Amino acid sequence: MSPSLLVKSCEITKDLSDQVEWFRTRPLEKEYPVIWVDPLYEKVRCERHVISMAIAVVQGITNEGNREILAVEPMFAESEDTYTHLFEQLKSRGVETVWLCASSAHSGLEKCHFRNVS
């Protein structure tokens, strides 16, 4: 690989990292009438091993009726703690009110009771 190609590759990687960080921390609406929480399982590298990991995808419908992806977050386990952390992140980004949370009714999510976003 030539030095100029290596430099360009590093620039692209940094730009992508900046875009991902913006997406993960951008401000959200105060109210979403409906959100969906659905983990997908993907094979990921973790400490030189490939493991199956839950990737929580949170979608929301705005008051104007538009669908938004609110979060895409990796989770080592679908536990009460990980869902609580996920909802705390949404709250810290501005979400205050959710009228309905649709999900696969995983026990960790049920235990969380969505208490972090009223």
PDB file of N, CA and C in Angstrom:
ATOM      1  N   MET A   1       0.854  -1.158   0.000  1.00  0.00           N
ATOM      2  CA  MET A   1       0.000   0.000   0.000  1.00  0.00           C
ATOM      3  C   MET A   1       0.911   1.236   0.000  1.00  0.00           C
ATOM      4  N   SER A   2       0.605   2.165  -0.881  1.00  0.00           N
ATOM      5  CA  SER A   2       1.429   3.368  -0.982  1.00  0.00           C
ATOM      6  C   SER A   2       1.153   4.301   0.195  1.00  0.00           C
ATOM      7  N   PRO A   3       2.124   5.137   0.551  1.00  0.00           N
ATOM      8  CA  PRO A   3       1.914   6.077   1.663  1.00  0.00           C
ATOM      9  C   PRO A   3       0.717   7.007   1.453  1.00  0.00           C
ATOM     10  N   SER A   4       0.515   7.470   0.229  1.00  0.00           N
ATOM     11  CA  SER A   4      -0.619   8.379  -0.016  1.00  0.00           C
ATOM     12  C   SER A   4      -1.955   7.650   0.152  1.00  0.00           C
ATOM     13  N   LEU A   5      -2.017   6.384  -0.263  1.00  0.00           N
ATOM     14  CA  LEU A   5      -3.240   5.604  -0.088  1.00  0.00           C
ATOM     15  C   LEU A   5      -3.498   5.327   1.389  1.00  0.00           C
ATOM     16  N   LEU A   6      -2.429   5.089   2.134  1.00  0.00           N
ATOM     17  CA  LEU A   6      -2.554   4.858   3.570  1.00  0.00           C
ATOM     18  C   LEU A   6      -3.081   6.108   4.278  1.00  0.00           C
ATOM     19  N   VAL A   7      -2.558   7.278   3.898  1.00  0.00           N
ATOM     20  CA  VAL A   7      -3.019   8.537   4.481  1.00  0.00           C
ATOM     21  C   VAL A   7      -4.492   8.757   4.142  1.00  0.00           C
ATOM     22  N   LYS A   8      -4.877   8.516   2.888  1.00  0.00           N
ATOM     23  CA  LYS A   8      -6.275   8.684   2.472  1.00  0.00           C
ATOM     24  C   LYS A   8      -7.179   7.728   3.242  1.00  0.00           C
ATOM     25  N   SER A   9      -6.724   6.497   3.439  1.00  0.00           N
ATOM     26  CA  SER A   9      -7.498   5.512   4.198  1.00  0.00           C
ATOM     27  C   SER A   9      -7.711   5.982   5.633  1.00  0.00           C
ATOM     28  N   CYS A  10      -6.686   6.542   6.253  1.00  0.00           N
ATOM     29  CA  CYS A  10      -6.804   7.058   7.624  1.00  0.00           C
ATOM     30  C   CYS A  10      -7.781   8.227   7.685  1.00  0.00           C
ATOM     31  N   GLU A  11      -7.760   9.088   6.675  1.00  0.00           N
ATOM     32  CA  GLU A  11      -8.693  10.221   6.624  1.00  0.00           C
ATOM     33  C   GLU A  11     -10.135   9.744   6.505  1.00  0.00           C
ATOM     34  N   ILE A  12     -10.359   8.734   5.662  1.00  0.00           N
ATOM     35  CA  ILE A  12     -11.708   8.180   5.483  1.00  0.00           C
ATOM     36  C   ILE A  12     -12.186   7.555   6.789  1.00  0.00           C
ATOM     37  N   THR A  13     -11.323   6.800   7.459  1.00  0.00           N
ATOM     38  CA  THR A  13     -11.677   6.161   8.722  1.00  0.00           C
ATOM     39  C   THR A  13     -12.023   7.197   9.776  1.00  0.00           C
ATOM     40  N   LYS A  14     -11.228   8.271   9.880  1.00  0.00           N
ATOM     41  CA  LYS A  14     -11.508   9.322  10.852  1.00  0.00           C
ATOM     42  C   LYS A  14     -12.832  10.006  10.541  1.00  0.00           C
ATOM     43  N   ASP A  15     -13.084  10.285   9.259  1.00  0.00           N
ATOM     44  CA  ASP A  15     -14.340  10.919   8.864  1.00  0.00           C
ATOM     45  C   ASP A  15     -15.529  10.033   9.221  1.00  0.00           C
ATOM     46  N   LEU A  16     -15.401   8.731   8.970  1.00  0.00           N
ATOM     47  CA  LEU A  16     -16.477   7.806   9.312  1.00  0.00           C
ATOM     48  C   LEU A  16     -16.682   7.752  10.823  1.00  0.00           C
ATOM     49  N   SER A  17     -15.609   7.712  11.579  1.00  0.00           N
ATOM     50  CA  SER A  17     -15.712   7.708  13.045  1.00  0.00           C
ATOM     51  C   SER A  17     -16.408   8.965  13.551  1.00  0.00           C
ATOM     52  N   ASP A  18     -16.089  10.109  12.951  1.00  0.00           N
ATOM     53  CA  ASP A  18     -16.742  11.366  13.341  1.00  0.00           C
ATOM     54  C   ASP A  18     -18.244  11.321  13.044  1.00  0.00           C
ATOM     55  N   GLN A  19     -18.615  10.766  11.885  1.00  0.00           N
ATOM     56  CA  GLN A  19     -20.032  10.673  11.523  1.00  0.00           C
ATOM     57  C   GLN A  19     -20.784   9.729  12.465  1.00  0.00           C
ATOM     58  N   VAL A  20     -20.160   8.613  12.815  1.00  0.00           N
ATOM     59  CA  VAL A  20     -20.790   7.658  13.734  1.00  0.00           C
ATOM     60  C   VAL A  20     -20.977   8.302  15.107  1.00  0.00           C
ATOM     61  N   GLU A  21     -19.962   9.008  15.581  1.00  0.00           N
ATOM     62  CA  GLU A  21     -20.064   9.683  16.887  1.00  0.00           C
ATOM     63  C   GLU A  21     -21.168  10.737  16.866  1.00  0.00           C
ATOM     64  N   TRP A  22     -21.273  11.495  15.775  1.00  0.00           N
ATOM     65  CA  TRP A  22     -22.358  12.487  15.649  1.00  0.00           C
ATOM     66  C   TRP A  22     -23.711  11.788  15.727  1.00  0.00           C
ATOM     67  N   PHE A  23     -23.884  10.680  14.980  1.00  0.00           N
ATOM     68  CA  PHE A  23     -25.147   9.952  14.971  1.00  0.00           C
ATOM     69  C   PHE A  23     -25.501   9.449  16.366  1.00  0.00           C
ATOM     70  N   ARG A  24     -24.518   8.911  17.080  1.00  0.00           N
ATOM     71  CA  ARG A  24     -24.768   8.332  18.399  1.00  0.00           C
ATOM     72  C   ARG A  24     -25.030   9.366  19.480  1.00  0.00           C
ATOM     73  N   THR A  25     -24.679  10.626  19.259  1.00  0.00           N
ATOM     74  CA  THR A  25     -24.830  11.649  20.297  1.00  0.00           C
ATOM     75  C   THR A  25     -25.728  12.805  19.875  1.00  0.00           C
ATOM     76  N   ARG A  26     -26.304  12.750  18.684  1.00  0.00           N
ATOM     77  CA  ARG A  26     -27.108  13.873  18.202  1.00  0.00           C
ATOM     78  C   ARG A  26     -28.344  14.078  19.078  1.00  0.00           C
ATOM     79  N   PRO A  27     -28.809  15.314  19.187  1.00  0.00           N
ATOM     80  CA  PRO A  27     -30.015  15.577  19.971  1.00  0.00           C
ATOM     81  C   PRO A  27     -31.242  14.915  19.322  1.00  0.00           C
ATOM     82  N   LEU A  28     -32.153  14.451  20.152  1.00  0.00           N
ATOM     83  CA  LEU A  28     -33.384  13.822  19.677  1.00  0.00           C
ATOM     84  C   LEU A  28     -34.583  14.680  20.061  1.00  0.00           C
ATOM     85  N   GLU A  29     -35.746  14.348  19.495  1.00  0.00           N
ATOM     86  CA  GLU A  29     -36.994  15.033  19.832  1.00  0.00           C
ATOM     87  C   GLU A  29     -37.334  14.780  21.302  1.00  0.00           C
ATOM     88  N   LYS A  30     -38.157  15.663  21.878  1.00  0.00           N
ATOM     89  CA  LYS A  30     -38.598  15.468  23.265  1.00  0.00           C
ATOM     90  C   LYS A  30     -39.635  14.360  23.377  1.00  0.00           C
ATOM     91  N   GLU A  31     -40.444  14.187  22.324  1.00  0.00           N
ATOM     92  CA  GLU A  31     -41.543  13.227  22.396  1.00  0.00           C
ATOM     93  C   GLU A  31     -41.577  12.345  21.154  1.00  0.00           C
ATOM     94  N   TYR A  32     -41.754  11.056  21.389  1.00  0.00           N
ATOM     95  CA  TYR A  32     -41.983  10.082  20.317  1.00  0.00           C
ATOM     96  C   TYR A  32     -43.227   9.297  20.709  1.00  0.00           C
ATOM     97  N   PRO A  33     -44.307   9.391  19.942  1.00  0.00           N
ATOM     98  CA  PRO A  33     -45.511   8.634  20.287  1.00  0.00           C
ATOM     99  C   PRO A  33     -45.258   7.126  20.355  1.00  0.00           C
ATOM    100  N   VAL A  34     -44.405   6.599  19.466  1.00  0.00           N
ATOM    101  CA  VAL A  34     -44.122   5.163  19.432  1.00  0.00           C
ATOM    102  C   VAL A  34     -42.633   4.963  19.188  1.00  0.00           C
ATOM    103  N   ILE A  35     -42.048   4.025  19.934  1.00  0.00           N
ATOM    104  CA  ILE A  35     -40.700   3.560  19.608  1.00  0.00           C
ATOM    105  C   ILE A  35     -40.721   2.041  19.534  1.00  0.00           C
ATOM    106  N   TRP A  36     -39.820   1.484  18.731  1.00  0.00           N
ATOM    107  CA  TRP A  36     -39.612   0.051  18.635  1.00  0.00           C
ATOM    108  C   TRP A  36     -38.197  -0.238  19.074  1.00  0.00           C
ATOM    109  N   VAL A  37     -38.042  -1.243  19.901  1.00  0.00           N
ATOM    110  CA  VAL A  37     -36.721  -1.689  20.337  1.00  0.00           C
ATOM    111  C   VAL A  37     -36.578  -3.133  19.887  1.00  0.00           C
ATOM    112  N   ASP A  38     -35.604  -3.382  19.033  1.00  0.00           N
ATOM    113  CA  ASP A  38     -35.441  -4.729  18.493  1.00  0.00           C
ATOM    114  C   ASP A  38     -33.960  -5.055  18.371  1.00  0.00           C
ATOM    115  N   PRO A  39     -33.478  -6.010  19.154  1.00  0.00           N
ATOM    116  CA  PRO A  39     -32.067  -6.401  19.008  1.00  0.00           C
ATOM    117  C   PRO A  39     -31.885  -7.360  17.828  1.00  0.00           C
ATOM    118  N   LEU A  40     -30.819  -7.126  17.090  1.00  0.00           N
ATOM    119  CA  LEU A  40     -30.395  -8.035  16.032  1.00  0.00           C
ATOM    120  C   LEU A  40     -29.133  -8.717  16.539  1.00  0.00           C
ATOM    121  N   TYR A  41     -28.924  -9.948  16.173  1.00  0.00           N
ATOM    122  CA  TYR A  41     -27.701 -10.629  16.597  1.00  0.00           C
ATOM    123  C   TYR A  41     -26.740 -10.712  15.425  1.00  0.00           C
ATOM    124  N   GLU A  42     -25.526 -10.250  15.674  1.00  0.00           N
ATOM    125  CA  GLU A  42     -24.470 -10.237  14.664  1.00  0.00           C
ATOM    126  C   GLU A  42     -23.216 -10.862  15.241  1.00  0.00           C
ATOM    127  N   LYS A  43     -22.402 -11.424  14.383  1.00  0.00           N
ATOM    128  CA  LYS A  43     -21.090 -11.933  14.778  1.00  0.00           C
ATOM    129  C   LYS A  43     -20.124 -10.748  14.777  1.00  0.00           C
ATOM    130  N   VAL A  44     -19.442 -10.528  15.903  1.00  0.00           N
ATOM    131  CA  VAL A  44     -18.492  -9.419  16.024  1.00  0.00           C
ATOM    132  C   VAL A  44     -17.192  -9.923  16.632  1.00  0.00           C
ATOM    133  N   ARG A  45     -16.116  -9.208  16.343  1.00  0.00           N
ATOM    134  CA  ARG A  45     -14.824  -9.542  16.948  1.00  0.00           C
ATOM    135  C   ARG A  45     -14.735  -8.871  18.310  1.00  0.00           C
ATOM    136  N   CYS A  46     -14.309  -9.649  19.301  1.00  0.00           N
ATOM    137  CA  CYS A  46     -14.135  -9.128  20.649  1.00  0.00           C
ATOM    138  C   CYS A  46     -12.941  -9.841  21.273  1.00  0.00           C
ATOM    139  N   GLU A  47     -11.890  -9.085  21.527  1.00  0.00           N
ATOM    140  CA  GLU A  47     -10.681  -9.650  22.132  1.00  0.00           C
ATOM    141  C   GLU A  47     -10.191 -10.897  21.398  1.00  0.00           C
ATOM    142  N   ARG A  48      -9.999 -10.780  20.110  1.00  0.00           N
ATOM    143  CA  ARG A  48      -9.459 -11.838  19.245  1.00  0.00           C
ATOM    144  C   ARG A  48     -10.385 -13.039  19.062  1.00  0.00           C
ATOM    145  N   HIS A  49     -11.645 -12.900  19.468  1.00  0.00           N
ATOM    146  CA  HIS A  49     -12.618 -13.972  19.281  1.00  0.00           C
ATOM    147  C   HIS A  49     -13.816 -13.405  18.531  1.00  0.00           C
ATOM    148  N   VAL A  50     -14.529 -14.276  17.861  1.00  0.00           N
ATOM    149  CA  VAL A  50     -15.776 -13.885  17.224  1.00  0.00           C
ATOM    150  C   VAL A  50     -16.907 -14.377  18.118  1.00  0.00           C
ATOM    151  N   ILE A  51     -17.766 -13.435  18.505  1.00  0.00           N
ATOM    152  CA  ILE A  51     -18.891 -13.779  19.382  1.00  0.00           C
ATOM    153  C   ILE A  51     -20.191 -13.276  18.761  1.00  0.00           C
ATOM    154  N   SER A  52     -21.294 -13.827  19.205  1.00  0.00           N
ATOM    155  CA  SER A  52     -22.610 -13.348  18.803  1.00  0.00           C
ATOM    156  C   SER A  52     -23.015 -12.246  19.776  1.00  0.00           C
ATOM    157  N   MET A  53     -23.337 -11.081  19.253  1.00  0.00           N
ATOM    158  CA  MET A  53     -23.662  -9.940  20.115  1.00  0.00           C
ATOM    159  C   MET A  53     -24.983  -9.309  19.675  1.00  0.00           C
ATOM    160  N   ALA A  54     -25.773  -8.908  20.654  1.00  0.00           N
ATOM    161  CA  ALA A  54     -27.012  -8.195  20.361  1.00  0.00           C
ATOM    162  C   ALA A  54     -26.688  -6.759  19.964  1.00  0.00           C
ATOM    163  N   ILE A  55     -27.295  -6.299  18.900  1.00  0.00           N
ATOM    164  CA  ILE A  55     -27.186  -4.906  18.477  1.00  0.00           C
ATOM    165  C   ILE A  55     -28.605  -4.334  18.581  1.00  0.00           C
ATOM    166  N   ALA A  56     -28.824  -3.478  19.571  1.00  0.00           N
ATOM    167  CA  ALA A  56     -30.153  -2.905  19.783  1.00  0.00           C
ATOM    168  C   ALA A  56     -30.400  -1.805  18.754  1.00  0.00           C
ATOM    169  N   VAL A  57     -31.491  -1.947  18.031  1.00  0.00           N
ATOM    170  CA  VAL A  57     -31.917  -0.925  17.078  1.00  0.00           C
ATOM    171  C   VAL A  57     -33.188  -0.302  17.635  1.00  0.00           C
ATOM    172  N   VAL A  58     -33.158   1.018  17.840  1.00  0.00           N
ATOM    173  CA  VAL A  58     -34.318   1.736  18.366  1.00  0.00           C
ATOM    174  C   VAL A  58     -34.826   2.668  17.277  1.00  0.00           C
ATOM    175  N   GLN A  59     -36.086   2.459  16.892  1.00  0.00           N
ATOM    176  CA  GLN A  59     -36.729   3.324  15.909  1.00  0.00           C
ATOM    177  C   GLN A  59     -37.836   4.102  16.604  1.00  0.00           C
ATOM    178  N   GLY A  60     -38.079   5.307  16.139  1.00  0.00           N
ATOM    179  CA  GLY A  60     -39.154   6.105  16.707  1.00  0.00           C
ATOM    180  C   GLY A  60     -39.981   6.769  15.625  1.00  0.00           C
ATOM    181  N   ILE A  61     -41.230   7.031  15.950  1.00  0.00           N
ATOM    182  CA  ILE A  61     -42.113   7.805  15.075  1.00  0.00           C
ATOM    183  C   ILE A  61     -42.272   9.175  15.715  1.00  0.00           C
ATOM    184  N   THR A  62     -41.993  10.226  14.942  1.00  0.00           N
ATOM    185  CA  THR A  62     -42.128  11.590  15.456  1.00  0.00           C
ATOM    186  C   THR A  62     -43.593  11.998  15.471  1.00  0.00           C
ATOM    187  N   ASN A  63     -43.882  13.115  16.112  1.00  0.00           N
ATOM    188  CA  ASN A  63     -45.249  13.641  16.126  1.00  0.00           C
ATOM    189  C   ASN A  63     -45.735  14.001  14.724  1.00  0.00           C
ATOM    190  N   GLU A  64     -44.799  14.225  13.804  1.00  0.00           N
ATOM    191  CA  GLU A  64     -45.158  14.534  12.412  1.00  0.00           C
ATOM    192  C   GLU A  64     -45.371  13.272  11.587  1.00  0.00           C
ATOM    193  N   GLY A  65     -45.136  12.104  12.195  1.00  0.00           N
ATOM    194  CA  GLY A  65     -45.332  10.836  11.512  1.00  0.00           C
ATOM    195  C   GLY A  65     -44.111  10.306  10.781  1.00  0.00           C
ATOM    196  N   ASN A  66     -42.958  10.919  10.982  1.00  0.00           N
ATOM    197  CA  ASN A  66     -41.729  10.461  10.336  1.00  0.00           C
ATOM    198  C   ASN A  66     -41.043   9.400  11.180  1.00  0.00           C
ATOM    199  N   ARG A  67     -40.458   8.410  10.522  1.00  0.00           N
ATOM    200  CA  ARG A  67     -39.720   7.353  11.216  1.00  0.00           C
ATOM    201  C   ARG A  67     -38.255   7.746  11.284  1.00  0.00           C
ATOM    202  N   GLU A  68     -37.651   7.573  12.455  1.00  0.00           N
ATOM    203  CA  GLU A  68     -36.236   7.866  12.661  1.00  0.00           C
ATOM    204  C   GLU A  68     -35.565   6.684  13.345  1.00  0.00           C
ATOM    205  N   ILE A  69     -34.308   6.456  13.006  1.00  0.00           N
ATOM    206  CA  ILE A  69     -33.482   5.520  13.769  1.00  0.00           C
ATOM    207  C   ILE A  69     -32.891   6.342  14.910  1.00  0.00           C
ATOM    208  N   LEU A  70     -33.238   6.006  16.139  1.00  0.00           N
ATOM    209  CA  LEU A  70     -32.789   6.773  17.300  1.00  0.00           C
ATOM    210  C   LEU A  70     -31.461   6.257  17.845  1.00  0.00           C
ATOM    211  N   ALA A  71     -31.255   4.949  17.760  1.00  0.00           N
ATOM    212  CA  ALA A  71     -30.021   4.381  18.304  1.00  0.00           C
ATOM    213  C   ALA A  71     -29.734   3.034  17.660  1.00  0.00           C
ATOM    214  N   VAL A  72     -28.454   2.742  17.544  1.00  0.00           N
ATOM    215  CA  VAL A  72     -27.950   1.436  17.143  1.00  0.00           C
ATOM    216  C   VAL A  72     -26.793   1.172  18.092  1.00  0.00           C
ATOM    217  N   GLU A  73     -27.039   0.331  19.096  1.00  0.00           N
ATOM    218  CA  GLU A  73     -26.059   0.149  20.171  1.00  0.00           C
ATOM    219  C   GLU A  73     -25.771  -1.320  20.429  1.00  0.00           C
ATOM    220  N   PRO A  74     -24.487  -1.675  20.535  1.00  0.00           N
ATOM    221  CA  PRO A  74     -24.139  -3.056  20.876  1.00  0.00           C
ATOM    222  C   PRO A  74     -24.445  -3.347  22.351  1.00  0.00           C
ATOM    223  N   MET A  75     -24.856  -4.587  22.613  1.00  0.00           N
ATOM    224  CA  MET A  75     -25.148  -5.013  23.987  1.00  0.00           C
ATOM    225  C   MET A  75     -24.578  -6.417  24.184  1.00  0.00           C
ATOM    226  N   PHE A  76     -23.782  -6.612  25.238  1.00  0.00           N
ATOM    227  CA  PHE A  76     -23.247  -7.939  25.519  1.00  0.00           C
ATOM    228  C   PHE A  76     -24.352  -8.888  25.979  1.00  0.00           C
ATOM    229  N   ALA A  77     -25.396  -8.345  26.592  1.00  0.00           N
ATOM    230  CA  ALA A  77     -26.512  -9.166  27.060  1.00  0.00           C
ATOM    231  C   ALA A  77     -27.781  -8.335  27.010  1.00  0.00           C
ATOM    232  N   GLU A  78     -28.903  -9.007  26.807  1.00  0.00           N
ATOM    233  CA  GLU A  78     -30.195  -8.319  26.853  1.00  0.00           C
ATOM    234  C   GLU A  78     -30.698  -8.352  28.292  1.00  0.00           C
ATOM    235  N   SER A  79     -30.082  -7.555  29.127  1.00  0.00           N
ATOM    236  CA  SER A  79     -30.419  -7.558  30.546  1.00  0.00           C
ATOM    237  C   SER A  79     -31.123  -6.255  30.931  1.00  0.00           C
ATOM    238  N   GLU A  80     -31.658  -6.263  32.132  1.00  0.00           N
ATOM    239  CA  GLU A  80     -32.281  -5.050  32.654  1.00  0.00           C
ATOM    240  C   GLU A  80     -31.285  -3.894  32.659  1.00  0.00           C
ATOM    241  N   ASP A  81     -30.052  -4.164  33.057  1.00  0.00           N
ATOM    242  CA  ASP A  81     -29.029  -3.112  33.113  1.00  0.00           C
ATOM    243  C   ASP A  81     -28.716  -2.531  31.740  1.00  0.00           C
ATOM    244  N   THR A  82     -28.594  -3.391  30.716  1.00  0.00           N
ATOM    245  CA  THR A  82     -28.256  -2.866  29.390  1.00  0.00           C
ATOM    246  C   THR A  82     -29.408  -2.059  28.799  1.00  0.00           C
ATOM    247  N   TYR A  83     -30.640  -2.510  29.014  1.00  0.00           N
ATOM    248  CA  TYR A  83     -31.785  -1.728  28.530  1.00  0.00           C
ATOM    249  C   TYR A  83     -31.921  -0.422  29.316  1.00  0.00           C
ATOM    250  N   THR A  84     -31.670  -0.462  30.608  1.00  0.00           N
ATOM    251  CA  THR A  84     -31.709   0.769  31.402  1.00  0.00           C
ATOM    252  C   THR A  84     -30.682   1.756  30.872  1.00  0.00           C
ATOM    253  N   HIS A  85     -29.486   1.273  30.586  1.00  0.00           N
ATOM    254  CA  HIS A  85     -28.439   2.143  30.030  1.00  0.00           C
ATOM    255  C   HIS A  85     -28.869   2.714  28.679  1.00  0.00           C
ATOM    256  N   LEU A  86     -29.474   1.886  27.834  1.00  0.00           N
ATOM    257  CA  LEU A  86     -29.949   2.340  26.522  1.00  0.00           C
ATOM    258  C   LEU A  86     -30.967   3.470  26.681  1.00  0.00           C
ATOM    259  N   PHE A  87     -31.945   3.302  27.578  1.00  0.00           N
ATOM    260  CA  PHE A  87     -32.961   4.329  27.766  1.00  0.00           C
ATOM    261  C   PHE A  87     -32.395   5.581  28.436  1.00  0.00           C
ATOM    262  N   GLU A  88     -31.420   5.417  29.302  1.00  0.00           N
ATOM    263  CA  GLU A  88     -30.755   6.583  29.896  1.00  0.00           C
ATOM    264  C   GLU A  88     -30.039   7.396  28.821  1.00  0.00           C
ATOM    265  N   GLN A  89     -29.429   6.710  27.863  1.00  0.00           N
ATOM    266  CA  GLN A  89     -28.778   7.412  26.753  1.00  0.00           C
ATOM    267  C   GLN A  89     -29.802   8.207  25.942  1.00  0.00           C
ATOM    268  N   LEU A  90     -30.948   7.603  25.651  1.00  0.00           N
ATOM    269  CA  LEU A  90     -31.988   8.320  24.904  1.00  0.00           C
ATOM    270  C   LEU A  90     -32.450   9.549  25.682  1.00  0.00           C
ATOM    271  N   LYS A  91     -32.634   9.375  26.974  1.00  0.00           N
ATOM    272  CA  LYS A  91     -33.066  10.483  27.822  1.00  0.00           C
ATOM    273  C   LYS A  91     -32.019  11.600  27.838  1.00  0.00           C
ATOM    274  N   SER A  92     -30.745  11.241  27.913  1.00  0.00           N
ATOM    275  CA  SER A  92     -29.684  12.255  27.942  1.00  0.00           C
ATOM    276  C   SER A  92     -29.592  13.011  26.623  1.00  0.00           C
ATOM    277  N   ARG A  93     -30.128  12.428  25.556  1.00  0.00           N
ATOM    278  CA  ARG A  93     -30.123  13.081  24.245  1.00  0.00           C
ATOM    279  C   ARG A  93     -31.405  13.860  23.994  1.00  0.00           C
ATOM    280  N   GLY A  94     -32.294  13.940  25.003  1.00  0.00           N
ATOM    281  CA  GLY A  94     -33.452  14.822  24.898  1.00  0.00           C
ATOM    282  C   GLY A  94     -34.812  14.169  24.950  1.00  0.00           C
ATOM    283  N   VAL A  95     -34.900  12.843  24.878  1.00  0.00           N
ATOM    284  CA  VAL A  95     -36.203  12.180  24.893  1.00  0.00           C
ATOM    285  C   VAL A  95     -36.794  12.281  26.296  1.00  0.00           C
ATOM    286  N   GLU A  96     -38.012  12.789  26.358  1.00  0.00           N
ATOM    287  CA  GLU A  96     -38.715  12.928  27.641  1.00  0.00           C
ATOM    288  C   GLU A  96     -39.974  12.077  27.719  1.00  0.00           C
ATOM    289  N   THR A  97     -40.679  11.931  26.593  1.00  0.00           N
ATOM    290  CA  THR A  97     -41.972  11.248  26.608  1.00  0.00           C
ATOM    291  C   THR A  97     -42.065  10.241  25.476  1.00  0.00           C
ATOM    292  N   VAL A  98     -42.470   9.026  25.825  1.00  0.00           N
ATOM    293  CA  VAL A  98     -42.764   7.976  24.858  1.00  0.00           C
ATOM    294  C   VAL A  98     -44.116   7.406  25.252  1.00  0.00           C
ATOM    295  N   TRP A  99     -45.036   7.335  24.296  1.00  0.00           N
ATOM    296  CA  TRP A  99     -46.383   6.848  24.604  1.00  0.00           C
ATOM    297  C   TRP A  99     -46.479   5.326  24.547  1.00  0.00           C
ATOM    298  N   LEU A 100     -45.739   4.715  23.633  1.00  0.00           N
ATOM    299  CA  LEU A 100     -45.815   3.274  23.470  1.00  0.00           C
ATOM    300  C   LEU A 100     -44.446   2.754  23.064  1.00  0.00           C
ATOM    301  N   CYS A 101     -43.998   1.703  23.739  1.00  0.00           N
ATOM    302  CA  CYS A 101     -42.736   1.038  23.400  1.00  0.00           C
ATOM    303  C   CYS A 101     -43.077  -0.372  22.932  1.00  0.00           C
ATOM    304  N   ALA A 102     -42.811  -0.661  21.657  1.00  0.00           N
ATOM    305  CA  ALA A 102     -43.057  -1.989  21.102  1.00  0.00           C
ATOM    306  C   ALA A 102     -41.741  -2.750  21.067  1.00  0.00           C
ATOM    307  N   SER A 103     -41.806  -4.028  21.451  1.00  0.00           N
ATOM    308  CA  SER A 103     -40.584  -4.821  21.488  1.00  0.00           C
ATOM    309  C   SER A 103     -40.929  -6.302  21.414  1.00  0.00           C
ATOM    310  N   SER A 104     -39.886  -7.099  21.468  1.00  0.00           N
ATOM    311  CA  SER A 104     -40.064  -8.550  21.477  1.00  0.00           C
ATOM    312  C   SER A 104     -40.353  -9.065  22.880  1.00  0.00           C
ATOM    313  N   ALA A 105     -40.542  -8.184  23.831  1.00  0.00           N
ATOM    314  CA  ALA A 105     -40.882  -8.525  25.217  1.00  0.00           C
ATOM    315  C   ALA A 105     -39.807  -9.376  25.872  1.00  0.00           C
ATOM    316  N   HIS A 106     -38.550  -9.070  25.606  1.00  0.00           N
ATOM    317  CA  HIS A 106     -37.462  -9.774  26.271  1.00  0.00           C
ATOM    318  C   HIS A 106     -37.528  -9.488  27.762  1.00  0.00           C
ATOM    319  N   SER A 107     -37.190 -10.461  28.586  1.00  0.00           N
ATOM    320  CA  SER A 107     -37.334 -10.310  30.039  1.00  0.00           C
ATOM    321  C   SER A 107     -36.520  -9.137  30.585  1.00  0.00           C
ATOM    322  N   GLY A 108     -35.329  -8.871  30.015  1.00  0.00           N
ATOM    323  CA  GLY A 108     -34.532  -7.730  30.475  1.00  0.00           C
ATOM    324  C   GLY A 108     -35.226  -6.413  30.219  1.00  0.00           C
ATOM    325  N   LEU A 109     -35.902  -6.323  29.087  1.00  0.00           N
ATOM    326  CA  LEU A 109     -36.649  -5.100  28.760  1.00  0.00           C
ATOM    327  C   LEU A 109     -37.893  -4.997  29.633  1.00  0.00           C
ATOM    328  N   GLU A 110     -38.576  -6.112  29.864  1.00  0.00           N
ATOM    329  CA  GLU A 110     -39.759  -6.088  30.730  1.00  0.00           C
ATOM    330  C   GLU A 110     -39.399  -5.656  32.142  1.00  0.00           C
ATOM    331  N   LYS A 111     -38.263  -6.137  32.657  1.00  0.00           N
ATOM    332  CA  LYS A 111     -37.833  -5.762  34.003  1.00  0.00           C
ATOM    333  C   LYS A 111     -37.484  -4.285  34.084  1.00  0.00           C
ATOM    334  N   CYS A 112     -36.979  -3.754  33.000  1.00  0.00           N
ATOM    335  CA  CYS A 112     -36.615  -2.341  32.965  1.00  0.00           C
ATOM    336  C   CYS A 112     -37.864  -1.476  33.082  1.00  0.00           C
ATOM    337  N   HIS A 113     -39.004  -1.960  32.581  1.00  0.00           N
ATOM    338  CA  HIS A 113     -40.282  -1.257  32.651  1.00  0.00           C
ATOM    339  C   HIS A 113     -40.241   0.127  32.018  1.00  0.00           C
ATOM    340  N   PHE A 114     -39.241   0.349  31.194  1.00  0.00           N
ATOM    341  CA  PHE A 114     -39.125   1.622  30.498  1.00  0.00           C
ATOM    342  C   PHE A 114     -39.254   2.793  31.459  1.00  0.00           C
ATOM    343  N   ARG A 115     -38.768   2.620  32.683  1.00  0.00           N
ATOM    344  CA  ARG A 115     -38.929   3.627  33.721  1.00  0.00           C
ATOM    345  C   ARG A 115     -38.070   4.862  33.508  1.00  0.00           C
ATOM    346  N   ASN A 116     -37.103   4.779  32.615  1.00  0.00           N
ATOM    347  CA  ASN A 116     -36.189   5.909  32.426  1.00  0.00           C
ATOM    348  C   ASN A 116     -36.737   6.983  31.503  1.00  0.00           C
ATOM    349  N   VAL A 117     -37.714   6.646  30.697  1.00  0.00           N
ATOM    350  CA  VAL A 117     -38.345   7.640  29.822  1.00  0.00           C
ATOM    351  C   VAL A 117     -39.821   7.563  30.116  1.00  0.00           C
ATOM    352  N   SER A 118     -40.372   8.611  30.728  1.00  0.00           N
ATOM    353  CA  SER A 118     -41.784   8.545  31.132  1.00  0.00           C
ATOM    354  C   SER A 118     -42.697   9.008  30.034  1.00  0.00           C
TER     355      SER A 118
END
